[in-house]
C-alpha atoms as a PDB file:
ATOM      1  CA  MET A   1     132.076  37.104 104.004  1.00  0.00           C
ATOM      2  CA  LYS A   2     129.508  39.752 104.913  1.00  0.00           C
ATOM      3  CA  GLY A   3     129.437  41.004 108.748  1.00  0.00           C
ATOM      4  CA  PHE A   4     126.633  42.848 110.606  1.00  0.00           C
ATOM      5  CA  CYS A   5     127.073  44.189 113.691  1.00  0.00           C
ATOM      6  CA  LEU A   6     123.408  44.354 115.747  1.00  0.00           C
ATOM      7  CA  ARG A   7     122.543  45.833 118.978  1.00  0.00           C
ATOM      8  CA  ALA A   8     119.540  43.146 118.906  1.00  0.00           C
ATOM      9  CA  LYS A   9     118.654  40.547 117.770  1.00  0.00           C
ATOM     10  CA  SER A  10     115.220  41.582 116.241  1.00  0.00           C
ATOM     11  CA  GLU A  11     117.424  43.584 113.675  1.00  0.00           C
ATOM     12  CA  SER A  12     118.353  40.550 111.428  1.00  0.00           C
ATOM     13  CA  GLU A  13     115.910  40.588 110.055  1.00  0.00           C
ATOM     14  CA  ASP A  14     116.390  43.763 107.969  1.00  0.00           C
ATOM     15  CA  CYS A  15     119.846  43.223 107.460  1.00  0.00           C
ATOM     16  CA  ILE A  16     118.941  39.827 105.627  1.00  0.00           C
ATOM     17  CA  LYS A  17     116.402  40.885 103.625  1.00  0.00           C
ATOM     18  CA  THR A  18     118.963  44.467 102.390  1.00  0.00           C
ATOM     19  CA  TYR A  19     121.954  42.154 102.014  1.00  0.00           C
ATOM     20  CA  ILE A  20     120.007  39.353  99.824  1.00  0.00           C
ATOM     21  CA  MET A  21     118.781  42.106  97.402  1.00  0.00           C
ATOM     22  CA  LYS A  22     121.966  43.507  97.144  1.00  0.00           C
ATOM     23  CA  VAL A  23     124.069  40.408  96.016  1.00  0.00           C
ATOM     24  CA  GLN A  24     120.965  39.838  93.348  1.00  0.00           C
ATOM     25  CA  LYS A  25     120.792  43.052  92.064  1.00  0.00           C
ATOM     26  CA  GLN A  26     124.587  44.209  92.223  1.00  0.00           C
ATOM     27  CA  PHE A  27     126.176  40.702  91.111  1.00  0.00           C
ATOM     28  CA  GLY A  28     123.393  39.360  88.946  1.00  0.00           C
ATOM     29  CA  LYS A  29     123.278  36.242  91.445  1.00  0.00           C
ATOM     30  CA  LYS A  30     120.138  34.379  92.528  1.00  0.00           C
ATOM     31  CA  VAL A  31     119.724  33.470  95.918  1.00  0.00           C
ATOM     32  CA  LYS A  32     118.603  29.809  96.201  1.00  0.00           C
ATOM     33  CA  PHE A  33     117.988  28.738  99.399  1.00  0.00           C
ATOM     34  CA  VAL A  34     118.958  29.927 103.040  1.00  0.00           C
ATOM     35  CA  ARG A  35     120.629  27.628 105.398  1.00  0.00           C
ATOM     36  CA  HIS A  36     119.920  28.620 109.120  1.00  0.00           C
ATOM     37  CA  ASP A  37     119.937  26.864 112.711  1.00  0.00           C
ATOM     38  CA  GLY A  38     116.489  27.376 113.061  1.00  0.00           C
ATOM     39  CA  ALA A  39     116.791  30.255 115.101  1.00  0.00           C
ATOM     40  CA  ARG A  40     113.431  32.573 115.836  1.00  0.00           C
ATOM     41  CA  GLU A  41     114.789  35.674 114.562  1.00  0.00           C
ATOM     42  CA  PHE A  42     115.573  33.751 111.195  1.00  0.00           C
ATOM     43  CA  ALA A  43     112.667  32.018 110.757  1.00  0.00           C
ATOM     44  CA  THR A  44     109.932  35.116 111.419  1.00  0.00           C
ATOM     45  CA  ASN A  45     106.777  35.554 109.943  1.00  0.00           C
ATOM     46  CA  SER A  46     108.223  38.546 107.695  1.00  0.00           C
ATOM     47  CA  LEU A  47     110.992  36.753 106.396  1.00  0.00           C
ATOM     48  CA  LYS A  48     109.025  33.521 105.397  1.00  0.00           C
ATOM     49  CA  ASP A  49     106.937  36.299 103.326  1.00  0.00           C
ATOM     50  CA  PHE A  50     110.004  37.534 101.475  1.00  0.00           C
ATOM     51  CA  TYR A  51     111.464  34.230 101.136  1.00  0.00           C
ATOM     52  CA  GLU A  52     108.201  33.197  99.331  1.00  0.00           C
ATOM     53  CA  ASP A  53     107.772  36.252  97.156  1.00  0.00           C
ATOM     54  CA  GLU A  54     111.690  35.944  96.052  1.00  0.00           C
ATOM     55  CA  GLY A  55     111.461  32.383  95.454  1.00  0.00           C
ATOM     56  CA  ILE A  56     114.163  31.409  98.187  1.00  0.00           C
ATOM     57  CA  GLU A  57     114.007  28.083  99.873  1.00  0.00           C
ATOM     58  CA  GLN A  58     114.886  27.940 103.905  1.00  0.00           C
ATOM     59  CA  GLN A  59     116.588  25.363 105.048  1.00  0.00           C
ATOM     60  CA  THR A  60     117.222  24.389 109.220  1.00  0.00           C
ATOM     61  CA  THR A  61     119.639  22.312 110.763  1.00  0.00           C
ATOM     62  CA  VAL A  62     118.872  19.469 113.562  1.00  0.00           C
ATOM     63  CA  PRO A  63     118.902  21.102 116.879  1.00  0.00           C
ATOM     64  CA  TYR A  64     121.334  21.301 119.267  1.00  0.00           C
ATOM     65  CA  ALA A  65     123.785  19.943 115.520  1.00  0.00           C
ATOM     66  CA  HIS A  66     125.712  23.065 115.064  1.00  0.00           C
ATOM     67  CA  GLN A  67     128.151  20.766 113.340  1.00  0.00           C
ATOM     68  CA  THR A  68     125.366  20.149 110.463  1.00  0.00           C
ATOM     69  CA  ASN A  69     125.954  23.617 109.676  1.00  0.00           C
ATOM     70  CA  GLY A  70     129.660  23.579 109.558  1.00  0.00           C
ATOM     71  CA  THR A  71     130.675  26.130 107.024  1.00  0.00           C
ATOM     72  CA  ALA A  72     128.970  28.656 109.252  1.00  0.00           C
ATOM     73  CA  GLU A  73     130.300  27.375 112.300  1.00  0.00           C
ATOM     74  CA  ARG A  74     133.899  27.484 110.951  1.00  0.00           C
ATOM     75  CA  ALA A  75     133.859  31.024 109.279  1.00  0.00           C
ATOM     76  CA  ILE A  76     132.460  32.412 112.956  1.00  0.00           C
ATOM     77  CA  ARG A  77     134.932  30.734 115.201  1.00  0.00           C
ATOM     78  CA  THR A  78     137.988  31.922 112.496  1.00  0.00           C
ATOM     79  CA  ILE A  79     136.726  35.239 113.123  1.00  0.00           C
ATOM     80  CA  VAL A  80     135.998  35.340 116.766  1.00  0.00           C
ATOM     81  CA  THR A  81     140.180  33.920 116.978  1.00  0.00           C
ATOM     82  CA  ILE A  82     141.188  36.882 114.333  1.00  0.00           C
ATOM     83  CA  GLY A  83     139.899  39.741 116.275  1.00  0.00           C
ATOM     84  CA  ARG A  84     140.783  38.168 119.854  1.00  0.00           C
ATOM     85  CA  SER A  85     144.221  37.731 118.747  1.00  0.00           C
ATOM     86  CA  MET A  86     144.237  41.800 117.307  1.00  0.00           C
ATOM     87  CA  LEU A  87     142.811  42.772 120.283  1.00  0.00           C
ATOM     88  CA  HIS A  88     145.430  41.384 122.579  1.00  0.00           C
ATOM     89  CA  HIS A  89     148.018  42.872 120.493  1.00  0.00           C
ATOM     90  CA  ALA A  90     146.799  45.915 119.997  1.00  0.00           C
ATOM     91  CA  LYS A  91     146.296  46.036 123.848  1.00  0.00           C
ATOM     92  CA  LEU A  92     142.459  47.089 123.983  1.00  0.00           C
ATOM     93  CA  ASP A  93     139.515  46.204 126.080  1.00  0.00           C
ATOM     94  CA  LYS A  94     136.913  43.881 124.960  1.00  0.00           C
ATOM     95  CA  CYS A  95     134.809  46.495 124.061  1.00  0.00           C
ATOM     96  CA  PHE A  96     136.168  46.744 120.811  1.00  0.00           C
ATOM     97  CA  TRP A  97     135.256  43.422 119.805  1.00  0.00           C
ATOM     98  CA  ALA A  98     133.004  44.573 116.970  1.00  0.00           C
ATOM     99  CA  GLU A  99     135.384  46.892 115.384  1.00  0.00           C
ATOM    100  CA  ALA A 100     137.941  43.545 115.732  1.00  0.00           C
ATOM    101  CA  ALA A 101     135.221  41.109 113.720  1.00  0.00           C
ATOM    102  CA  MET A 102     134.653  43.547 111.011  1.00  0.00           C
ATOM    103  CA  THR A 103     138.238  44.436 110.456  1.00  0.00           C
ATOM    104  CA  ALA A 104     138.821  40.991 110.691  1.00  0.00           C
ATOM    105  CA  ILE A 105     136.130  40.165 108.026  1.00  0.00           C
ATOM    106  CA  TYR A 106     137.951  42.815 105.516  1.00  0.00           C
ATOM    107  CA  VAL A 107     141.066  40.858 105.708  1.00  0.00           C
ATOM    108  CA  LYS A 108     140.105  37.876 105.677  1.00  0.00           C
ATOM    109  CA  ASN A 109     138.250  38.901 102.280  1.00  0.00           C
ATOM    110  CA  ARG A 110     140.928  39.923 100.963  1.00  0.00           C
ATOM    111  CA  LEU A 111     143.198  37.171 101.429  1.00  0.00           C
ATOM    112  CA  PRO A 112     144.257  33.168  98.837  1.00  0.00           C
ATOM    113  CA  SER A 113     142.185  30.678  99.948  1.00  0.00           C
ATOM    114  CA  PRO A 114     142.717  27.092  98.395  1.00  0.00           C
ATOM    115  CA  LYS A 115     139.439  26.031  97.939  1.00  0.00           C
ATOM    116  CA  ILE A 116     138.969  28.716  95.058  1.00  0.00           C
ATOM    117  CA  GLU A 117     141.857  28.111  93.403  1.00  0.00           C
ATOM    118  CA  HIS A 118     144.337  30.497  95.418  1.00  0.00           C
ATOM    119  CA  LYS A 119     142.115  33.473  94.694  1.00  0.00           C
ATOM    120  CA  THR A 120     140.959  36.102  97.130  1.00  0.00           C
ATOM    121  CA  PRO A 121     137.158  36.222  97.786  1.00  0.00           C
ATOM    122  CA  PHE A 122     136.889  39.738  96.354  1.00  0.00           C
ATOM    123  CA  GLU A 123     138.593  38.822  93.639  1.00  0.00           C
ATOM    124  CA  ILE A 124     135.550  36.372  93.077  1.00  0.00           C
ATOM    125  CA  VAL A 125     133.219  38.574  93.211  1.00  0.00           C
ATOM    126  CA  TYR A 126     134.308  42.121  91.751  1.00  0.00           C
ATOM    127  CA  LYS A 127     136.406  40.120  88.918  1.00  0.00           C
ATOM    128  CA  CYS A 128     139.588  42.281  90.029  1.00  0.00           C
ATOM    129  CA  LYS A 129     141.895  41.912  92.524  1.00  0.00           C
ATOM    130  CA  PRO A 130     141.881  43.945  95.397  1.00  0.00           C
ATOM    131  CA  SER A 131     144.835  46.495  96.267  1.00  0.00           C
ATOM    132  CA  VAL A 132     146.242  46.721  99.843  1.00  0.00           C
ATOM    133  CA  LYS A 133     148.229  49.630  99.836  1.00  0.00           C
ATOM    134  CA  HIS A 134     146.158  51.126 101.993  1.00  0.00           C
ATOM    135  CA  MET A 135     145.881  48.690 104.701  1.00  0.00           C
ATOM    136  CA  ARG A 136     147.390  49.454 108.678  1.00  0.00           C
ATOM    137  CA  VAL A 137     148.280  47.617 111.813  1.00  0.00           C
ATOM    138  CA  PHE A 138     144.950  47.470 113.942  1.00  0.00           C
ATOM    139  CA  GLY A 139     144.349  49.378 117.073  1.00  0.00           C
ATOM    140  CA  CYS A 140     148.134  51.018 116.345  1.00  0.00           C
ATOM    141  CA  ARG A 141     149.081  54.544 117.270  1.00  0.00           C
ATOM    142  CA  THR A 142     147.248  57.763 114.519  1.00  0.00           C
ATOM    143  CA  TYR A 143     147.057  61.578 114.685  1.00  0.00           C
ATOM    144  CA  ILE A 144     143.668  62.640 113.008  1.00  0.00           C
ATOM    145  CA  LEU A 145     144.169  65.724 111.400  1.00  0.00           C
ATOM    146  CA  THR A 146     141.762  68.550 112.403  1.00  0.00           C
ATOM    147  CA  PRO A 147     140.202  70.273 109.564  1.00  0.00           C
ATOM    148  CA  LYS A 148     141.104  74.237 109.092  1.00  0.00           C
ATOM    149  CA  GLU A 149     137.167  74.786 109.351  1.00  0.00           C
ATOM    150  CA  LYS A 150     137.035  73.243 112.979  1.00  0.00           C
ATOM    151  CA  ARG A 151     140.096  74.263 114.728  1.00  0.00           C
ATOM    152  CA  LEU A 152     141.165  78.109 115.688  1.00  0.00           C
ATOM    153  CA  LYS A 153     144.356  79.310 114.401  1.00  0.00           C
ATOM    154  CA  TRP A 154     146.675  78.419 118.265  1.00  0.00           C
ATOM    155  CA  ASP A 155     144.583  75.092 118.747  1.00  0.00           C
ATOM    156  CA  PRO A 156     146.675  71.841 117.228  1.00  0.00           C
ATOM    157  CA  LYS A 157     146.117  70.787 113.808  1.00  0.00           C
ATOM    158  CA  ALA A 158     145.911  67.269 114.847  1.00  0.00           C
ATOM    159  CA  ARG A 159     144.742  64.710 117.702  1.00  0.00           C
ATOM    160  CA  ALA A 160     145.870  61.330 119.106  1.00  0.00           C
ATOM    161  CA  GLY A 161     143.602  58.437 118.412  1.00  0.00           C
ATOM    162  CA  LEU A 162     143.632  54.259 117.493  1.00  0.00           C
ATOM    163  CA  PHE A 163     143.048  52.467 113.789  1.00  0.00           C
ATOM    164  CA  LEU A 164     140.223  50.573 114.184  1.00  0.00           C
ATOM    165  CA  GLY A 165     139.535  49.646 110.422  1.00  0.00           C
ATOM    166  CA  TYR A 166     138.306  50.635 107.155  1.00  0.00           C
ATOM    167  CA  GLU A 167     134.691  52.229 106.224  1.00  0.00           C
ATOM    168  CA  GLU A 168     133.513  50.580 103.241  1.00  0.00           C
ATOM    169  CA  VAL A 169     131.209  53.312 101.698  1.00  0.00           C
ATOM    170  CA  SER A 170     134.292  55.370 101.582  1.00  0.00           C
ATOM    171  CA  LYS A 171     137.752  55.896 100.759  1.00  0.00           C
ATOM    172  CA  ALA A 172     138.813  56.338 104.799  1.00  0.00           C
ATOM    173  CA  TYR A 173     139.251  54.901 107.846  1.00  0.00           C
ATOM    174  CA  ARG A 174     137.816  54.451 110.625  1.00  0.00           C
ATOM    175  CA  LEU A 175     139.590  55.787 113.980  1.00  0.00           C
ATOM    176  CA  TYR A 176     138.837  56.337 117.965  1.00  0.00           C
ATOM    177  CA  ASP A 177     139.425  59.098 119.259  1.00  0.00           C
ATOM    178  CA  ILE A 178     141.006  59.278 122.324  1.00  0.00           C
ATOM    179  CA  GLU A 179     139.805  62.725 123.638  1.00  0.00           C
ATOM    180  CA  ALA A 180     136.586  62.500 122.606  1.00  0.00           C
ATOM    181  CA  GLY A 181     135.793  58.803 123.543  1.00  0.00           C
ATOM    182  CA  GLN A 182     134.170  58.342 119.948  1.00  0.00           C
ATOM    183  CA  VAL A 183     134.414  56.466 116.805  1.00  0.00           C
ATOM    184  CA  VAL A 184     135.103  59.039 113.401  1.00  0.00           C
ATOM    185  CA  ILE A 185     135.820  58.725 109.879  1.00  0.00           C
ATOM    186  CA  SER A 186     138.618  60.132 108.451  1.00  0.00           C
ATOM    187  CA  ARG A 187     141.150  59.893 105.385  1.00  0.00           C
ATOM    188  CA  ASP A 188     143.923  62.495 106.226  1.00  0.00           C
ATOM    189  CA  VAL A 189     145.164  60.433 108.623  1.00  0.00           C
ATOM    190  CA  ASN A 190     149.323  59.703 110.240  1.00  0.00           C
ATOM    191  CA  PHE A 191     150.106  56.223 111.762  1.00  0.00           C
ATOM    192  CA  ASP A 192     152.517  54.902 114.354  1.00  0.00           C
ATOM    193  CA  GLU A 193     152.519  51.376 113.966  1.00  0.00           C
ATOM    194  CA  SER A 194     155.088  51.104 116.971  1.00  0.00           C
ATOM    195  CA  THR A 195     152.858  52.263 119.440  1.00  0.00           C
ATOM    196  CA  PHE A 196     149.340  50.519 120.534  1.00  0.00           C
ATOM    197  CA  GLY A 197     147.306  51.183 123.726  1.00  0.00           C
ATOM    198  CA  LEU A 198     145.429  54.140 125.103  1.00  0.00           C
ATOM    199  CA  SER A 199     148.351  55.061 127.104  1.00  0.00           C
ATOM    200  CA  PRO A 200     151.550  55.759 125.527  1.00  0.00           C
ATOM    201  CA  THR A 201     154.375  53.793 127.228  1.00  0.00           C
ATOM    202  CA  ILE A 202     157.991  55.628 127.920  1.00  0.00           C
ATOM    203  CA  SER A 203     160.772  53.693 126.700  1.00  0.00           C
ATOM    204  CA  ASP A 204     164.302  53.219 127.992  1.00  0.00           C
ATOM    205  CA  GLU A 205     165.507  56.181 125.358  1.00  0.00           C
ATOM    206  CA  ASP A 206     163.148  58.384 126.874  1.00  0.00           C
ATOM    207  CA  VAL A 207     164.076  57.556 130.528  1.00  0.00           C
ATOM    208  CA  ASP A 208     167.968  58.174 129.900  1.00  0.00           C
ATOM    209  CA  ASP A 209     166.194  61.898 128.300  1.00  0.00           C
ATOM    210  CA  LEU A 210     164.797  62.965 131.852  1.00  0.00           C
ATOM    211  CA  ASP A 211     166.566  65.411 134.083  1.00  0.00           C
ATOM    212  CA  PHE A 212     167.634  64.413 137.573  1.00  0.00           C
ATOM    213  CA  GLU A 213     168.696  67.220 139.741  1.00  0.00           C
ATOM    214  CA  SER A 214     171.206  66.151 142.954  1.00  0.00           C
ATOM    215  CA  LEU A 215     170.782  66.992 146.652  1.00  0.00           C
ATOM    216  CA  ASP A 216     170.514  70.079 148.170  1.00  0.00           C
ATOM    217  CA  ILE A 217     171.084  71.322 152.094  1.00  0.00           C
ATOM    218  CA  ASP A 218     169.223  74.042 153.594  1.00  0.00           C
ATOM    219  CA  ASN A 219     171.184  76.779 155.492  1.00  0.00           C
ATOM    220  CA  ASP A 220     169.715  76.167 158.994  1.00  0.00           C
ATOM    221  CA  GLY A 221     171.443  72.553 158.872  1.00  0.00           C
ATOM    222  CA  SER A 222     168.397  70.127 158.065  1.00  0.00           C
ATOM    223  CA  ARG A 223     168.799  67.681 155.150  1.00  0.00           C
ATOM    224  CA  GLN A 224     166.483  67.791 152.231  1.00  0.00           C
ATOM    225  CA  THR A 225     166.614  65.471 149.635  1.00  0.00           C
ATOM    226  CA  GLU A 226     164.424  66.775 146.180  1.00  0.00           C
ATOM    227  CA  TYR A 227     164.378  64.827 142.984  1.00  0.00           C
ATOM    228  CA  THR A 228     162.701  65.911 140.202  1.00  0.00           C
ATOM    229  CA  GLN A 229     161.744  64.026 137.341  1.00  0.00           C
ATOM    230  CA  ALA A 230     159.833  65.385 134.361  1.00  0.00           C
ATOM    231  CA  GLY A 231     159.061  68.800 135.786  1.00  0.00           C
ATOM    232  CA  LYS A 232     157.211  66.983 139.116  1.00  0.00           C
ATOM    233  CA  ARG A 233     158.842  66.582 142.233  1.00  0.00           C
ATOM    234  CA  LYS A 234     159.021  64.970 145.577  1.00  0.00           C
ATOM    235  CA  SER A 235     160.310  65.598 148.414  1.00  0.00           C
ATOM    236  CA  ARG A 236     161.775  63.179 151.337  1.00  0.00           C
ATOM    237  CA  PRO A 237     161.536  63.870 154.790  1.00  0.00           C
ATOM    238  CA  SER A 238     164.495  65.134 156.646  1.00  0.00           C
ATOM    239  CA  ASP A 239     167.200  62.903 158.369  1.00  0.00           C
ATOM    240  CA  GLU A 240     166.186  64.734 161.824  1.00  0.00           C
ATOM    241  CA  ASP A 241     162.413  64.050 161.078  1.00  0.00           C
ATOM    242  CA  GLU A 242     163.619  60.166 159.939  1.00  0.00           C
ATOM    243  CA  ALA A 243     165.439  59.735 163.124  1.00  0.00           C
ATOM    244  CA  ALA A 244     162.300  60.980 165.601  1.00  0.00           C
ATOM    245  CA  ARG A 245     160.308  58.911 164.334  1.00  0.00           C
ATOM    246  CA  ARG A 246     162.758  55.462 165.074  1.00  0.00           C
ATOM    247  CA  PRO A 247     164.614  54.706 167.961  1.00  0.00           C
ATOM    248  CA  ARG A 248     168.710  54.586 168.049  1.00  0.00           C
ATOM    249  CA  ALA A 249     170.740  52.155 169.244  1.00  0.00           C
ATOM    250  CA  VAL A 250     173.719  53.597 171.180  1.00  0.00           C
ATOM    251  CA  ARG A 251     175.934  50.979 172.903  1.00  0.00           C
ATOM    252  CA  HIS A 252     177.630  52.159 176.304  1.00  0.00           C
ATOM    253  CA  ARG A 253     180.860  50.387 176.270  1.00  0.00           C
ATOM    254  CA  PRO A 254     182.278  49.474 180.199  1.00  0.00           C
ATOM    255  CA  GLY A 255     184.982  52.121 181.298  1.00  0.00           C
ATOM    256  CA  LEU A 256     183.632  54.734 179.162  1.00  0.00           C
ATOM    257  CA  GLU A 257     182.725  57.361 181.882  1.00  0.00           C
ATOM    258  CA  GLU A 258     186.034  56.568 183.566  1.00  0.00           C
ATOM    259  CA  ALA A 259     188.064  58.133 180.420  1.00  0.00           C
ATOM    260  CA  SER A 260     185.938  60.586 179.827  1.00  0.00           C
ATOM    261  CA  ALA A 261     186.740  64.319 181.392  1.00  0.00           C
ATOM    262  CA  PRO A 262     184.517  65.121 184.462  1.00  0.00           C
ATOM    263  CA  ASN A 263     183.643  68.945 182.265  1.00  0.00           C
ATOM    264  CA  TYR A 264     182.250  67.020 179.110  1.00  0.00           C
ATOM    265  CA  SER A 265     180.275  69.180 177.830  1.00  0.00           C
ATOM    266  CA  SER A 266     178.181  66.875 175.567  1.00  0.00           C
ATOM    267  CA  PRO A 267     178.169  63.229 176.697  1.00  0.00           C
ATOM    268  CA  HIS A 268     175.855  61.899 173.657  1.00  0.00           C
ATOM    269  CA  ARG A 269     179.242  63.204 171.793  1.00  0.00           C
ATOM    270  CA  ALA A 270     181.522  60.290 173.055  1.00  0.00           C
ATOM    271  CA  ASP A 271     178.834  58.104 172.320  1.00  0.00           C
ATOM    272  CA  ALA A 272     179.115  59.199 168.921  1.00  0.00           C
ATOM    273  CA  ASP A 273     182.354  58.393 168.506  1.00  0.00           C
ATOM    274  CA  GLU A 274     182.610  55.097 169.762  1.00  0.00           C
ATOM    275  CA  GLU A 275     179.815  54.238 167.905  1.00  0.00           C
ATOM    276  CA  GLU A 276     182.266  55.619 165.002  1.00  0.00           C
ATOM    277  CA  LYS A 277     185.101  54.043 165.722  1.00  0.00           C
ATOM    278  CA  HIS A 278     183.463  50.601 166.096  1.00  0.00           C
ATOM    279  CA  GLY A 279     180.322  50.616 163.999  1.00  0.00           C
ATOM    280  CA  ASP A 280     181.570  47.725 161.982  1.00  0.00           C
ATOM    281  CA  GLU A 281     180.899  45.505 165.257  1.00  0.00           C
ATOM    282  CA  ASP A 282     177.141  46.186 165.136  1.00  0.00           C
ATOM    283  CA  ASP A 283     175.603  46.403 161.836  1.00  0.00           C
ATOM    284  CA  ASP A 284     172.086  47.425 162.779  1.00  0.00           C
ATOM    285  CA  SER A 285     173.250  50.565 164.826  1.00  0.00           C
ATOM    286  CA  THR A 286     172.374  53.492 163.370  1.00  0.00           C
ATOM    287  CA  PRO A 287     174.920  56.489 163.032  1.00  0.00           C
ATOM    288  CA  PRO A 288     174.275  60.083 164.940  1.00  0.00           C
ATOM    289  CA  VAL A 289     172.830  62.488 162.719  1.00  0.00           C
ATOM    290  CA  PHE A 290     175.471  64.995 162.351  1.00  0.00           C
ATOM    291  CA  TRP A 291     177.712  62.186 161.497  1.00  0.00           C
ATOM    292  CA  ARG A 292     175.195  62.178 158.202  1.00  0.00           C
ATOM    293  CA  ALA A 293     175.516  65.417 157.447  1.00  0.00           C
ATOM    294  CA  SER A 294     178.799  66.431 157.845  1.00  0.00           C
ATOM    295  CA  ALA A 295     179.267  63.485 155.151  1.00  0.00           C
ATOM    296  CA  ASN A 296     176.968  65.105 153.111  1.00  0.00           C
ATOM    297  CA  ALA A 297     178.202  68.596 153.723  1.00  0.00           C
ATOM    298  CA  VAL A 298     181.932  67.398 152.193  1.00  0.00           C
ATOM    299  CA  GLU A 299     179.920  65.127 149.420  1.00  0.00           C
ATOM    300  CA  ALA A 300     177.655  68.657 148.553  1.00  0.00           C
ATOM    301  CA  GLY A 301     181.159  70.877 149.029  1.00  0.00           C
ATOM    302  CA  ASP A 302     183.034  68.485 146.216  1.00  0.00           C
ATOM    303  CA  LEU A 303     180.488  69.866 143.642  1.00  0.00           C
ATOM    304  CA  SER A 304     182.446  72.839 142.249  1.00  0.00           C
ATOM    305  CA  GLU A 305     181.775  74.327 139.066  1.00  0.00           C
ATOM    306  CA  PRO A 306     184.579  75.921 136.716  1.00  0.00           C
ATOM    307  CA  THR A 307     184.268  79.365 136.373  1.00  0.00           C
ATOM    308  CA  THR A 308     185.996  80.395 133.080  1.00  0.00           C
ATOM    309  CA  PHE A 309     185.832  78.750 129.512  1.00  0.00           C
ATOM    310  CA  GLN A 310     188.960  77.050 129.973  1.00  0.00           C
ATOM    311  CA  GLU A 311     188.305  75.165 133.374  1.00  0.00           C
ATOM    312  CA  ALA A 312     185.153  73.371 131.801  1.00  0.00           C
ATOM    313  CA  VAL A 313     187.079  72.329 128.738  1.00  0.00           C
ATOM    314  CA  ASN A 314     189.741  71.194 130.617  1.00  0.00           C
ATOM    315  CA  GLY A 315     188.462  70.065 133.792  1.00  0.00           C
ATOM    316  CA  PRO A 316     187.498  66.314 135.036  1.00  0.00           C
ATOM    317  CA  ASP A 317     184.354  66.645 133.522  1.00  0.00           C
ATOM    318  CA  GLN A 318     185.344  68.533 129.999  1.00  0.00           C
ATOM    319  CA  VAL A 319     183.072  65.468 127.669  1.00  0.00           C
ATOM    320  CA  HIS A 320     179.890  66.554 129.547  1.00  0.00           C
ATOM    321  CA  TRP A 321     180.584  70.194 129.132  1.00  0.00           C
ATOM    322  CA  ARG A 322     181.876  69.745 125.433  1.00  0.00           C
ATOM    323  CA  LYS A 323     178.433  68.118 124.761  1.00  0.00           C
ATOM    324  CA  ALA A 324     176.507  70.633 126.662  1.00  0.00           C
ATOM    325  CA  ILE A 325     178.538  73.642 124.518  1.00  0.00           C
ATOM    326  CA  LEU A 326     177.760  71.637 121.301  1.00  0.00           C
ATOM    327  CA  ALA A 327     173.978  70.922 122.438  1.00  0.00           C
END
């Protein structure tokens, strides 16, 4: 099976002539007839003259009866099905359909078929068994070696790419250079057959290795929580700003004013104490801001680091300190 990728149907005339001449000269086989569905690109005046000069009979199928050319239709359906599956597995866009189709043809020519006594089409044509040692998974991540003539001293030696297929005229691979956005030919390639797609994904093991920092309390009393992940910092607004933006639900219990002293310096403090005592009665109420800041301050005060080696290896966090020392 032979495939051609055409930009326009008008290019099919040159492809047919080239393929027929190649078969007749390289394999010593005479093409006796050409069968097609009657499309205009296969029945031009130039092709008719070529068929007559080569003694080739031209056969056409009945219009709108594709089943009469079943061999070609089934072959096309098989290639499309294989190519679609390869694109889906490799997580690639439809724009790579031509590379997937050509790779599917390359692989199919090296698979045994029961119609030819369980031999491969490659073996029938070239009289030898094909090698599959060089075959790789379509669409996997690759690292293309940059020749030393094209890189400076401190430039990286390789660049990321994707495996798209095999080069027919040389012992090399067809690769998609992600940075350059073009297809390149190279033989010095490292394959990562477990990674697919243009953008790499983060595994669970990579997430465990990420560094997270705990909260930080400023000296001016405002609480600012910062999270650091993979070198990127995101900040959350302080509790005072958050409390100012939303209304607070504070309940006034009967008899509270009579029980309070006449010269009480902060009436809101009494409301906050009652809110703290009876917080379970109303789940929708918002605790006062100073109460949460005090709790956070106590929590941060417990985060003490050992000052000596003995305190580190004998303390409650000795397992983590030993791992840090051995790292």
